[in-house]
PDB file of all heavy atoms in Angstrom:
ATOM      1  N   SER A   1     -26.957  50.499  30.149  1.00  0.00           N
ATOM      2  CA  SER A   1     -25.536  50.636  30.408  1.00  0.00           C
ATOM      3  C   SER A   1     -24.680  50.330  29.190  1.00  0.00           C
ATOM      4  O   SER A   1     -25.101  49.635  28.263  1.00  0.00           O
ATOM      5  CB  SER A   1     -25.141  49.710  31.560  1.00  0.00           C
ATOM      6  OG  SER A   1     -23.746  49.618  31.675  1.00  0.00           O
ATOM      7  N   THR A   2     -23.459  50.814  29.244  1.00  0.00           N
ATOM      8  CA  THR A   2     -22.451  50.524  28.230  1.00  0.00           C
ATOM      9  C   THR A   2     -21.711  49.228  28.509  1.00  0.00           C
ATOM     10  O   THR A   2     -20.915  48.777  27.689  1.00  0.00           O
ATOM     11  CB  THR A   2     -21.408  51.660  28.216  1.00  0.00           C
ATOM     12  OG1 THR A   2     -20.854  51.783  29.545  1.00  0.00           O
ATOM     13  CG2 THR A   2     -22.043  52.977  27.827  1.00  0.00           C
ATOM     14  N   ASN A   3     -21.937  48.614  29.671  1.00  0.00           N
ATOM     15  CA  ASN A   3     -21.124  47.483  30.129  1.00  0.00           C
ATOM     16  C   ASN A   3     -21.924  46.216  30.401  1.00  0.00           C
ATOM     17  O   ASN A   3     -21.358  45.220  30.851  1.00  0.00           O
ATOM     18  CB  ASN A   3     -20.378  47.864  31.415  1.00  0.00           C
ATOM     19  CG  ASN A   3     -19.290  48.875  31.192  1.00  0.00           C
ATOM     20  OD1 ASN A   3     -19.542  49.988  30.730  1.00  0.00           O
ATOM     21  ND2 ASN A   3     -18.067  48.521  31.512  1.00  0.00           N
ATOM     22  N   ASP A   4     -23.242  46.215  30.134  1.00  0.00           N
ATOM     23  CA  ASP A   4     -24.064  45.055  30.449  1.00  0.00           C
ATOM     24  C   ASP A   4     -23.506  43.778  29.832  1.00  0.00           C
ATOM     25  O   ASP A   4     -23.120  43.749  28.667  1.00  0.00           O
ATOM     26  CB  ASP A   4     -25.480  45.258  29.908  1.00  0.00           C
ATOM     27  CG  ASP A   4     -26.246  46.333  30.653  1.00  0.00           C
ATOM     28  OD1 ASP A   4     -25.836  46.664  31.774  1.00  0.00           O
ATOM     29  OD2 ASP A   4     -27.239  46.824  30.115  1.00  0.00           O
ATOM     30  N   MET A   5     -23.534  42.707  30.619  1.00  0.00           N
ATOM     31  CA  MET A   5     -22.969  41.453  30.152  1.00  0.00           C
ATOM     32  C   MET A   5     -23.545  40.292  30.957  1.00  0.00           C
ATOM     33  O   MET A   5     -23.608  40.347  32.180  1.00  0.00           O
ATOM     34  CB  MET A   5     -21.440  41.485  30.318  1.00  0.00           C
ATOM     35  CG  MET A   5     -20.706  40.270  29.795  1.00  0.00           C
ATOM     36  SD  MET A   5     -18.907  40.385  30.124  1.00  0.00           S
ATOM     37  CE  MET A   5     -18.465  41.858  29.192  1.00  0.00           C
ATOM     38  N   VAL A   6     -23.999  39.257  30.253  1.00  0.00           N
ATOM     39  CA  VAL A   6     -24.375  38.002  30.887  1.00  0.00           C
ATOM     40  C   VAL A   6     -23.607  36.892  30.186  1.00  0.00           C
ATOM     41  O   VAL A   6     -23.655  36.779  28.957  1.00  0.00           O
ATOM     42  CB  VAL A   6     -25.886  37.723  30.775  1.00  0.00           C
ATOM     43  CG1 VAL A   6     -26.230  36.408  31.464  1.00  0.00           C
ATOM     44  CG2 VAL A   6     -26.695  38.854  31.368  1.00  0.00           C
ATOM     45  N   ILE A   7     -22.881  36.100  30.956  1.00  0.00           N
ATOM     46  CA  ILE A   7     -22.097  34.993  30.404  1.00  0.00           C
ATOM     47  C   ILE A   7     -22.515  33.701  31.082  1.00  0.00           C
ATOM     48  O   ILE A   7     -22.686  33.660  32.295  1.00  0.00           O
ATOM     49  CB  ILE A   7     -20.582  35.204  30.611  1.00  0.00           C
ATOM     50  CG1 ILE A   7     -20.099  36.450  29.859  1.00  0.00           C
ATOM     51  CG2 ILE A   7     -19.790  33.984  30.147  1.00  0.00           C
ATOM     52  CD1 ILE A   7     -18.633  36.787  30.118  1.00  0.00           C
ATOM     53  N   ILE A   8     -22.675  32.646  30.293  1.00  0.00           N
ATOM     54  CA  ILE A   8     -22.908  31.317  30.836  1.00  0.00           C
ATOM     55  C   ILE A   8     -21.774  30.400  30.391  1.00  0.00           C
ATOM     56  O   ILE A   8     -21.354  30.435  29.238  1.00  0.00           O
ATOM     57  CB  ILE A   8     -24.282  30.749  30.396  1.00  0.00           C
ATOM     58  CG1 ILE A   8     -24.536  29.418  31.088  1.00  0.00           C
ATOM     59  CG2 ILE A   8     -24.396  30.633  28.891  1.00  0.00           C
ATOM     60  CD1 ILE A   8     -25.970  28.919  30.939  1.00  0.00           C
ATOM     61  N   ALA A   9     -21.253  29.616  31.330  1.00  0.00           N
ATOM     62  CA  ALA A   9     -20.158  28.687  31.047  1.00  0.00           C
ATOM     63  C   ALA A   9     -20.528  27.315  31.596  1.00  0.00           C
ATOM     64  O   ALA A   9     -21.027  27.198  32.723  1.00  0.00           O
ATOM     65  CB  ALA A   9     -18.862  29.173  31.691  1.00  0.00           C
ATOM     66  N   SER A  10     -20.290  26.280  30.800  1.00  0.00           N
ATOM     67  CA  SER A  10     -20.656  24.927  31.210  1.00  0.00           C
ATOM     68  C   SER A  10     -19.457  23.993  31.210  1.00  0.00           C
ATOM     69  O   SER A  10     -18.668  23.969  30.266  1.00  0.00           O
ATOM     70  CB  SER A  10     -21.729  24.344  30.283  1.00  0.00           C
ATOM     71  OG  SER A  10     -22.048  23.030  30.694  1.00  0.00           O
ATOM     72  N   THR A  11     -19.376  23.196  32.281  1.00  0.00           N
ATOM     73  CA  THR A  11     -18.325  22.173  32.372  1.00  0.00           C
ATOM     74  C   THR A  11     -18.690  20.925  31.581  1.00  0.00           C
ATOM     75  O   THR A  11     -17.848  20.053  31.372  1.00  0.00           O
ATOM     76  CB  THR A  11     -18.103  21.773  33.839  1.00  0.00           C
ATOM     77  OG1 THR A  11     -19.320  21.208  34.358  1.00  0.00           O
ATOM     78  CG2 THR A  11     -17.705  22.976  34.680  1.00  0.00           C
ATOM     79  N   CYS A  12     -19.954  20.814  31.162  1.00  0.00           N
ATOM     80  CA  CYS A  12     -20.451  19.694  30.343  1.00  0.00           C
ATOM     81  C   CYS A  12     -20.264  18.339  31.013  1.00  0.00           C
ATOM     82  O   CYS A  12     -20.059  17.319  30.345  1.00  0.00           O
ATOM     83  CB  CYS A  12     -19.779  19.696  28.962  1.00  0.00           C
ATOM     84  SG  CYS A  12     -20.171  21.135  27.940  1.00  0.00           S
ATOM     85  N   ARG A  13     -20.375  18.289  32.333  1.00  0.00           N
ATOM     86  CA  ARG A  13     -20.158  17.043  33.069  1.00  0.00           C
ATOM     87  C   ARG A  13     -21.448  16.290  33.374  1.00  0.00           C
ATOM     88  O   ARG A  13     -21.409  15.197  33.943  1.00  0.00           O
ATOM     89  CB  ARG A  13     -19.428  17.344  34.383  1.00  0.00           C
ATOM     90  CG  ARG A  13     -18.030  17.914  34.185  1.00  0.00           C
ATOM     91  CD  ARG A  13     -17.355  18.118  35.533  1.00  0.00           C
ATOM     92  NE  ARG A  13     -16.014  18.699  35.381  1.00  0.00           N
ATOM     93  CZ  ARG A  13     -15.181  18.931  36.391  1.00  0.00           C
ATOM     94  NH1 ARG A  13     -15.567  18.637  37.631  1.00  0.00           N
ATOM     95  NH2 ARG A  13     -13.990  19.459  36.181  1.00  0.00           N
ATOM     96  N   SER A  14     -22.600  16.864  33.021  1.00  0.00           N
ATOM     97  CA  SER A  14     -23.873  16.206  33.320  1.00  0.00           C
ATOM     98  C   SER A  14     -24.544  15.780  32.014  1.00  0.00           C
ATOM     99  O   SER A  14     -23.891  15.613  30.991  1.00  0.00           O
ATOM    100  CB  SER A  14     -24.768  17.145  34.133  1.00  0.00           C
ATOM    101  OG  SER A  14     -25.948  16.490  34.535  1.00  0.00           O
ATOM    102  N   GLY A  15     -25.885  15.624  32.047  1.00  0.00           N
ATOM    103  CA  GLY A  15     -26.613  15.159  30.875  1.00  0.00           C
ATOM    104  C   GLY A  15     -26.814  16.238  29.831  1.00  0.00           C
ATOM    105  O   GLY A  15     -26.448  17.402  30.016  1.00  0.00           O
ATOM    106  N   ARG A  16     -27.453  15.841  28.731  1.00  0.00           N
ATOM    107  CA  ARG A  16     -27.631  16.723  27.594  1.00  0.00           C
ATOM    108  C   ARG A  16     -28.654  17.826  27.881  1.00  0.00           C
ATOM    109  O   ARG A  16     -29.655  17.618  28.559  1.00  0.00           O
ATOM    110  CB  ARG A  16     -28.096  15.928  26.369  1.00  0.00           C
ATOM    111  CG  ARG A  16     -26.988  15.151  25.681  1.00  0.00           C
ATOM    112  CD  ARG A  16     -26.038  16.095  24.987  1.00  0.00           C
ATOM    113  NE  ARG A  16     -26.707  16.872  23.952  1.00  0.00           N
ATOM    114  CZ  ARG A  16     -26.261  18.029  23.475  1.00  0.00           C
ATOM    115  NH1 ARG A  16     -25.162  18.586  23.964  1.00  0.00           N
ATOM    116  NH2 ARG A  16     -26.920  18.658  22.529  1.00  0.00           N
ATOM    117  N   ILE A  17     -28.395  18.979  27.314  1.00  0.00           N
ATOM    118  CA  ILE A  17     -29.290  20.133  27.427  1.00  0.00           C
ATOM    119  C   ILE A  17     -30.673  19.777  26.868  1.00  0.00           C
ATOM    120  O   ILE A  17     -30.783  19.061  25.864  1.00  0.00           O
ATOM    121  CB  ILE A  17     -28.687  21.343  26.691  1.00  0.00           C
ATOM    122  CG1 ILE A  17     -29.510  22.608  26.959  1.00  0.00           C
ATOM    123  CG2 ILE A  17     -28.552  21.069  25.202  1.00  0.00           C
ATOM    124  CD1 ILE A  17     -28.846  23.867  26.414  1.00  0.00           C
ATOM    125  N   ASP A  18     -31.722  20.262  27.550  1.00  0.00           N
ATOM    126  CA  ASP A  18     -33.085  20.018  27.093  1.00  0.00           C
ATOM    127  C   ASP A  18     -33.995  21.123  27.625  1.00  0.00           C
ATOM    128  O   ASP A  18     -33.512  22.124  28.180  1.00  0.00           O
ATOM    129  CB  ASP A  18     -33.575  18.632  27.527  1.00  0.00           C
ATOM    130  CG  ASP A  18     -33.523  18.434  29.042  1.00  0.00           C
ATOM    131  OD1 ASP A  18     -33.578  19.438  29.793  1.00  0.00           O
ATOM    132  OD2 ASP A  18     -33.435  17.277  29.494  1.00  0.00           O
ATOM    133  N   GLU A  19     -35.296  20.953  27.481  1.00  0.00           N
ATOM    134  CA  GLU A  19     -36.236  21.986  27.919  1.00  0.00           C
ATOM    135  C   GLU A  19     -36.245  22.148  29.434  1.00  0.00           C
ATOM    136  O   GLU A  19     -36.561  23.219  29.940  1.00  0.00           O
ATOM    137  CB  GLU A  19     -37.644  21.673  27.416  1.00  0.00           C
ATOM    138  CG  GLU A  19     -37.859  22.036  25.953  1.00  0.00           C
ATOM    139  CD  GLU A  19     -37.629  23.522  25.686  1.00  0.00           C
ATOM    140  OE1 GLU A  19     -38.141  24.362  26.454  1.00  0.00           O
ATOM    141  OE2 GLU A  19     -36.937  23.842  24.706  1.00  0.00           O
ATOM    142  N   ASN A  20     -35.921  21.087  30.174  1.00  0.00           N
ATOM    143  CA  ASN A  20     -35.839  21.214  31.630  1.00  0.00           C
ATOM    144  C   ASN A  20     -34.738  22.195  32.020  1.00  0.00           C
ATOM    145  O   ASN A  20     -34.890  23.001  32.945  1.00  0.00           O
ATOM    146  CB  ASN A  20     -35.576  19.858  32.277  1.00  0.00           C
ATOM    147  CG  ASN A  20     -36.806  18.976  32.292  1.00  0.00           C
ATOM    148  OD1 ASN A  20     -37.849  19.351  31.774  1.00  0.00           O
ATOM    149  ND2 ASN A  20     -36.696  17.795  32.884  1.00  0.00           N
ATOM    150  N   PHE A  21     -33.617  22.120  31.304  1.00  0.00           N
ATOM    151  CA  PHE A  21     -32.538  23.073  31.560  1.00  0.00           C
ATOM    152  C   PHE A  21     -32.984  24.492  31.233  1.00  0.00           C
ATOM    153  O   PHE A  21     -32.747  25.428  32.005  1.00  0.00           O
ATOM    154  CB  PHE A  21     -31.300  22.724  30.736  1.00  0.00           C
ATOM    155  CG  PHE A  21     -30.258  23.814  30.739  1.00  0.00           C
ATOM    156  CD1 PHE A  21     -29.398  23.964  31.809  1.00  0.00           C
ATOM    157  CD2 PHE A  21     -30.155  24.699  29.678  1.00  0.00           C
ATOM    158  CE1 PHE A  21     -28.455  24.974  31.837  1.00  0.00           C
ATOM    159  CE2 PHE A  21     -29.215  25.720  29.690  1.00  0.00           C
ATOM    160  CZ  PHE A  21     -28.360  25.850  30.780  1.00  0.00           C
ATOM    161  N   THR A  22     -33.627  24.673  30.098  1.00  0.00           N
ATOM    162  CA  THR A  22     -34.084  25.996  29.695  1.00  0.00           C
ATOM    163  C   THR A  22     -35.047  26.579  30.730  1.00  0.00           C
ATOM    164  O   THR A  22     -34.983  27.770  31.063  1.00  0.00           O
ATOM    165  CB  THR A  22     -34.759  25.926  28.315  1.00  0.00           C
ATOM    166  OG1 THR A  22     -33.817  25.428  27.364  1.00  0.00           O
ATOM    167  CG2 THR A  22     -35.235  27.301  27.872  1.00  0.00           C
ATOM    168  N   GLU A  23     -35.934  25.727  31.260  1.00  0.00           N
ATOM    169  CA  GLU A  23     -36.870  26.176  32.284  1.00  0.00           C
ATOM    170  C   GLU A  23     -36.124  26.596  33.548  1.00  0.00           C
ATOM    171  O   GLU A  23     -36.425  27.644  34.140  1.00  0.00           O
ATOM    172  CB  GLU A  23     -37.853  25.057  32.613  1.00  0.00           C
ATOM    173  CG  GLU A  23     -38.884  25.434  33.657  1.00  0.00           C
ATOM    174  CD  GLU A  23     -39.828  24.300  33.992  1.00  0.00           C
ATOM    175  OE1 GLU A  23     -39.943  23.355  33.183  1.00  0.00           O
ATOM    176  OE2 GLU A  23     -40.453  24.346  35.077  1.00  0.00           O
ATOM    177  N   ALA A  24     -35.156  25.789  33.981  1.00  0.00           N
ATOM    178  CA  ALA A  24     -34.393  26.112  35.191  1.00  0.00           C
ATOM    179  C   ALA A  24     -33.571  27.379  35.008  1.00  0.00           C
ATOM    180  O   ALA A  24     -33.472  28.208  35.924  1.00  0.00           O
ATOM    181  CB  ALA A  24     -33.481  24.939  35.562  1.00  0.00           C
ATOM    182  N   LEU A  25     -32.989  27.550  33.824  1.00  0.00           N
ATOM    183  CA  LEU A  25     -32.219  28.760  33.549  1.00  0.00           C
ATOM    184  C   LEU A  25     -33.117  29.988  33.600  1.00  0.00           C
ATOM    185  O   LEU A  25     -32.720  31.045  34.107  1.00  0.00           O
ATOM    186  CB  LEU A  25     -31.537  28.656  32.186  1.00  0.00           C
ATOM    187  CG  LEU A  25     -30.653  29.826  31.776  1.00  0.00           C
ATOM    188  CD1 LEU A  25     -29.497  30.017  32.760  1.00  0.00           C
ATOM    189  CD2 LEU A  25     -30.106  29.616  30.354  1.00  0.00           C
ATOM    190  N   GLY A  26     -34.339  29.860  33.105  1.00  0.00           N
ATOM    191  CA  GLY A  26     -35.282  30.959  33.182  1.00  0.00           C
ATOM    192  C   GLY A  26     -35.603  31.333  34.615  1.00  0.00           C
ATOM    193  O   GLY A  26     -35.680  32.516  34.957  1.00  0.00           O
ATOM    194  N   VAL A  27     -35.757  30.338  35.472  1.00  0.00           N
ATOM    195  CA  VAL A  27     -36.019  30.594  36.891  1.00  0.00           C
ATOM    196  C   VAL A  27     -34.852  31.345  37.519  1.00  0.00           C
ATOM    197  O   VAL A  27     -35.038  32.330  38.248  1.00  0.00           O
ATOM    198  CB  VAL A  27     -36.270  29.268  37.644  1.00  0.00           C
ATOM    199  CG1 VAL A  27     -36.258  29.496  39.156  1.00  0.00           C
ATOM    200  CG2 VAL A  27     -37.605  28.667  37.213  1.00  0.00           C
ATOM    201  N   VAL A  28     -33.627  30.901  37.242  1.00  0.00           N
ATOM    202  CA  VAL A  28     -32.430  31.550  37.791  1.00  0.00           C
ATOM    203  C   VAL A  28     -32.368  33.013  37.375  1.00  0.00           C
ATOM    204  O   VAL A  28     -32.151  33.908  38.206  1.00  0.00           O
ATOM    205  CB  VAL A  28     -31.163  30.796  37.333  1.00  0.00           C
ATOM    206  CG1 VAL A  28     -29.905  31.634  37.584  1.00  0.00           C
ATOM    207  CG2 VAL A  28     -31.052  29.454  38.054  1.00  0.00           C
ATOM    208  N   CYS A  29     -32.561  33.285  36.096  1.00  0.00           N
ATOM    209  CA  CYS A  29     -32.455  34.662  35.605  1.00  0.00           C
ATOM    210  C   CYS A  29     -33.583  35.543  36.140  1.00  0.00           C
ATOM    211  O   CYS A  29     -33.359  36.715  36.470  1.00  0.00           O
ATOM    212  CB  CYS A  29     -32.437  34.678  34.076  1.00  0.00           C
ATOM    213  SG  CYS A  29     -30.917  33.973  33.363  1.00  0.00           S
ATOM    214  N   ARG A  30     -34.785  34.994  36.249  1.00  0.00           N
ATOM    215  CA  ARG A  30     -35.893  35.796  36.790  1.00  0.00           C
ATOM    216  C   ARG A  30     -35.678  36.117  38.267  1.00  0.00           C
ATOM    217  O   ARG A  30     -35.978  37.233  38.715  1.00  0.00           O
ATOM    218  CB  ARG A  30     -37.229  35.073  36.582  1.00  0.00           C
ATOM    219  CG  ARG A  30     -37.700  35.077  35.133  1.00  0.00           C
ATOM    220  CD  ARG A  30     -39.147  34.646  35.024  1.00  0.00           C
ATOM    221  NE  ARG A  30     -39.364  33.273  35.435  1.00  0.00           N
ATOM    222  CZ  ARG A  30     -39.229  32.212  34.645  1.00  0.00           C
ATOM    223  NH1 ARG A  30     -38.859  32.375  33.381  1.00  0.00           N
ATOM    224  NH2 ARG A  30     -39.480  31.003  35.100  1.00  0.00           N
ATOM    225  N   GLU A  31     -35.142  35.164  39.023  1.00  0.00           N
ATOM    226  CA  GLU A  31     -34.865  35.429  40.435  1.00  0.00           C
ATOM    227  C   GLU A  31     -33.796  36.504  40.601  1.00  0.00           C
ATOM    228  O   GLU A  31     -33.888  37.367  41.469  1.00  0.00           O
ATOM    229  CB  GLU A  31     -34.450  34.141  41.147  1.00  0.00           C
ATOM    230  CG  GLU A  31     -35.596  33.180  41.390  1.00  0.00           C
ATOM    231  CD  GLU A  31     -36.694  33.800  42.235  1.00  0.00           C
ATOM    232  OE1 GLU A  31     -36.388  34.400  43.284  1.00  0.00           O
ATOM    233  OE2 GLU A  31     -37.875  33.711  41.829  1.00  0.00           O
ATOM    234  N   LEU A  32     -32.772  36.465  39.761  1.00  0.00           N
ATOM    235  CA  LEU A  32     -31.744  37.506  39.812  1.00  0.00           C
ATOM    236  C   LEU A  32     -32.329  38.865  39.431  1.00  0.00           C
ATOM    237  O   LEU A  32     -31.981  39.888  40.025  1.00  0.00           O
ATOM    238  CB  LEU A  32     -30.579  37.153  38.886  1.00  0.00           C
ATOM    239  CG  LEU A  32     -29.685  35.997  39.327  1.00  0.00           C
ATOM    240  CD1 LEU A  32     -28.692  35.650  38.224  1.00  0.00           C
ATOM    241  CD2 LEU A  32     -28.940  36.326  40.619  1.00  0.00           C
ATOM    242  N   ALA A  33     -33.220  38.878  38.440  1.00  0.00           N
ATOM    243  CA  ALA A  33     -33.871  40.138  38.048  1.00  0.00           C
ATOM    244  C   ALA A  33     -34.681  40.697  39.208  1.00  0.00           C
ATOM    245  O   ALA A  33     -34.669  41.909  39.464  1.00  0.00           O
ATOM    246  CB  ALA A  33     -34.766  39.911  36.827  1.00  0.00           C
ATOM    247  N   ARG A  34     -35.390  39.832  39.933  1.00  0.00           N
ATOM    248  CA  ARG A  34     -36.161  40.285  41.099  1.00  0.00           C
ATOM    249  C   ARG A  34     -35.235  40.858  42.168  1.00  0.00           C
ATOM    250  O   ARG A  34     -35.561  41.863  42.814  1.00  0.00           O
ATOM    251  CB  ARG A  34     -36.973  39.129  41.678  1.00  0.00           C
ATOM    252  CG  ARG A  34     -38.158  38.699  40.825  1.00  0.00           C
ATOM    253  CD  ARG A  34     -39.042  37.733  41.572  1.00  0.00           C
ATOM    254  NE  ARG A  34     -40.162  37.288  40.747  1.00  0.00           N
ATOM    255  CZ  ARG A  34     -40.179  36.145  40.078  1.00  0.00           C
ATOM    256  NH1 ARG A  34     -39.136  35.324  40.142  1.00  0.00           N
ATOM    257  NH2 ARG A  34     -41.234  35.814  39.357  1.00  0.00           N
ATOM    258  N   MET A  35     -34.083  40.228  42.374  1.00  0.00           N
ATOM    259  CA  MET A  35     -33.124  40.742  43.356  1.00  0.00           C
ATOM    260  C   MET A  35     -32.652  42.136  42.972  1.00  0.00           C
ATOM    261  O   MET A  35     -32.541  43.031  43.816  1.00  0.00           O
ATOM    262  CB  MET A  35     -31.911  39.811  43.460  1.00  0.00           C
ATOM    263  CG  MET A  35     -32.178  38.472  44.074  1.00  0.00           C
ATOM    264  SD  MET A  35     -30.643  37.490  44.161  1.00  0.00           S
ATOM    265  CE  MET A  35     -31.317  35.838  44.296  1.00  0.00           C
ATOM    266  N   MET A  36     -32.396  42.331  41.692  1.00  0.00           N
ATOM    267  CA  MET A  36     -31.935  43.645  41.241  1.00  0.00           C
ATOM    268  C   MET A  36     -33.030  44.692  41.360  1.00  0.00           C
ATOM    269  O   MET A  36     -32.749  45.852  41.671  1.00  0.00           O
ATOM    270  CB  MET A  36     -31.404  43.557  39.812  1.00  0.00           C
ATOM    271  CG  MET A  36     -30.011  42.944  39.738  1.00  0.00           C
ATOM    272  SD  MET A  36     -29.312  42.958  38.087  1.00  0.00           S
ATOM    273  CE  MET A  36     -29.866  41.377  37.511  1.00  0.00           C
ATOM    274  N   ALA A  37     -34.267  44.287  41.129  1.00  0.00           N
ATOM    275  CA  ALA A  37     -35.383  45.226  41.314  1.00  0.00           C
ATOM    276  C   ALA A  37     -35.486  45.639  42.781  1.00  0.00           C
ATOM    277  O   ALA A  37     -35.694  46.818  43.098  1.00  0.00           O
ATOM    278  CB  ALA A  37     -36.691  44.597  40.846  1.00  0.00           C
TER     279      ALA A  37
END
């Protein structure tokens, strides 16, 4: 597409970013990809 876009926005109210966050973000994006499939 000409319009594809993924945006992430953080309120920064919790703890520091780490590999646990990266793993959870991967789960979220893969689940959304499965929904689109």
